[in-house]
Amino acid sequence: MTRERDEIVKTIVRETLAERFTDDEFVFDPIRVVPLVDEFGDGDGKEYLRITIVFDGDQKKLDPGWTSGLIRRIKPKLIAAGIEQFPSPSFVEKSEWLSLYRKWRRRHPEASVESN
């Protein structure tokens, strides 16, 4: 179910991003989903989904007013798809992603820089 869940999350995130941004503005690829356990916050130990969205485009055009509301945009869609884990999205510029790859790979061996 994990791989299937991850693909559903990626699809929901990608479709939601497409509601606001065109392919001419940004390429969002790869999108990585890593389930983690909440060890901080309220310390409840619940699993959440770290969603890393790698983007290629002019960061100045990445509307922070819209992206900051991404959780509330995707959460109902995730619940409708049967995914209860809380989404925690973050955006990483493609050039930054490539430089952080080794560190990321050590922490998340299932991740890669290849396209989805």
Protein backbone atom coordinates (compact mmCIF):
# COMPACT_ATOMS: atom_id res chain seq x y z
CA MET A 1 0.00 0.00 0.00
CA THR A 2 2.90 2.40 0.64
CA ARG A 3 3.97 2.64 -2.99
CA GLU A 4 0.38 2.94 -4.15
CA ARG A 5 -0.29 5.58 -1.48
CA ASP A 6 2.80 7.54 -2.54
CA GLU A 7 1.66 7.53 -6.17
CA ILE A 8 -1.79 8.78 -5.16
CA VAL A 9 -0.21 11.57 -3.08
CA LYS A 10 2.08 12.57 -5.97
CA THR A 11 -0.88 12.67 -8.37
CA ILE A 12 -2.97 14.79 -6.01
CA VAL A 13 -0.09 17.21 -5.42
CA ARG A 14 0.75 17.43 -9.12
CA GLU A 15 -2.89 18.02 -10.11
CA THR A 16 -3.33 20.64 -7.39
CA LEU A 17 -0.18 22.48 -8.50
CA ALA A 18 -1.51 22.41 -12.09
CA GLU A 19 -4.61 24.29 -10.89
CA ARG A 20 -2.39 27.32 -10.21
CA PHE A 21 0.83 26.98 -12.23
CA THR A 22 1.32 26.26 -15.93
CA ASP A 23 4.00 24.04 -17.46
CA ASP A 24 5.47 27.19 -18.99
CA GLU A 25 6.03 28.66 -15.51
CA PHE A 26 7.26 25.64 -13.58
CA VAL A 27 8.19 22.02 -13.83
CA PHE A 28 7.49 20.17 -10.59
CA ASP A 29 9.62 17.06 -10.77
CA PRO A 30 10.42 14.97 -8.88
CA ILE A 31 7.84 14.94 -6.13
CA ARG A 32 8.95 12.69 -3.29
CA VAL A 33 6.82 11.28 -0.48
CA VAL A 34 8.53 10.00 2.64
CA PRO A 35 6.48 8.74 5.59
CA LEU A 36 7.94 9.90 8.90
CA VAL A 37 6.91 9.63 12.54
CA ASP A 38 6.21 12.79 14.53
CA GLU A 39 8.85 12.74 17.22
CA PHE A 40 8.60 16.45 17.91
CA GLY A 41 5.56 18.72 17.82
CA ASP A 42 3.08 17.28 20.27
CA GLY A 43 5.08 14.03 20.33
CA ASP A 44 2.08 11.89 19.48
CA GLY A 45 4.18 9.52 17.37
CA LYS A 46 1.76 9.61 14.45
CA GLU A 47 2.97 9.04 10.93
CA TYR A 48 2.93 12.03 8.59
CA LEU A 49 3.97 12.46 4.97
CA ARG A 50 6.93 14.67 4.12
CA ILE A 51 6.28 15.77 0.54
CA THR A 52 9.28 17.30 -1.19
CA ILE A 53 8.34 19.18 -4.33
CA VAL A 54 11.31 19.94 -6.55
CA PHE A 55 10.64 22.85 -8.88
CA ASP A 56 12.35 24.32 -11.90
CA GLY A 57 11.32 27.88 -12.68
CA ASP A 58 11.54 31.44 -11.43
CA GLN A 59 11.19 31.23 -7.66
CA LYS A 60 9.89 34.81 -7.59
CA LYS A 61 6.82 33.53 -9.43
CA LEU A 62 6.19 30.74 -6.90
CA ASP A 63 3.30 32.49 -5.19
CA PRO A 64 3.89 32.08 -1.43
CA GLY A 65 0.31 33.10 -0.67
CA TRP A 66 -0.91 30.12 -2.67
CA THR A 67 1.80 27.59 -1.77
CA SER A 68 1.43 28.28 1.96
CA GLY A 69 -2.16 27.03 1.62
CA LEU A 70 -1.17 23.83 -0.16
CA ILE A 71 -1.90 21.69 2.92
CA ARG A 72 -5.51 22.84 3.09
CA ARG A 73 -5.84 22.34 -0.66
CA ILE A 74 -4.61 18.74 -0.70
CA LYS A 75 -5.74 17.44 2.71
CA PRO A 76 -9.43 16.95 1.73
CA LYS A 77 -8.36 15.22 -1.49
CA LEU A 78 -6.05 12.91 0.43
CA ILE A 79 -8.80 12.04 2.92
CA ALA A 80 -11.20 11.33 0.04
CA ALA A 81 -8.56 8.94 -1.34
CA GLY A 82 -8.34 7.17 2.03
CA ILE A 83 -5.03 8.73 3.09
CA GLU A 84 -5.22 9.95 6.67
CA GLN A 85 -1.59 10.94 7.29
CA PHE A 86 -0.98 14.67 7.62
CA PRO A 87 0.81 16.15 4.59
CA SER A 88 3.91 18.28 5.15
CA PRO A 89 4.91 19.76 1.78
CA SER A 90 8.07 21.72 1.09
CA PHE A 91 9.46 23.23 -2.08
CA VAL A 92 13.08 22.81 -3.16
CA GLU A 93 14.64 24.51 -6.16
CA LYS A 94 16.00 22.04 -8.74
CA SER A 95 19.56 23.39 -8.42
CA GLU A 96 19.38 23.03 -4.62
CA TRP A 97 17.92 19.52 -4.89
CA LEU A 98 20.80 18.38 -7.04
CA SER A 99 23.35 19.70 -4.54
CA LEU A 100 21.52 18.11 -1.59
CA TYR A 101 21.08 14.76 -3.31
CA ARG A 102 23.81 12.86 -1.45
CA LYS A 103 22.58 13.96 1.96
CA TRP A 104 18.99 13.19 0.96
CA ARG A 105 19.96 9.80 -0.44
CA ARG A 106 21.62 8.77 2.87
CA ARG A 107 18.49 9.68 4.81
CA HIS A 108 16.00 8.38 2.24
CA PRO A 109 17.55 5.65 0.09
CA GLU A 110 14.30 5.17 -1.80
CA ALA A 111 14.50 8.71 -3.22
CA SER A 112 16.22 9.72 -6.43
CA VAL A 113 16.61 12.72 -8.70
CA GLU A 114 15.16 10.94 -11.69
CA SER A 115 11.75 11.95 -12.93
CA ASN A 116 8.68 10.26 -11.53
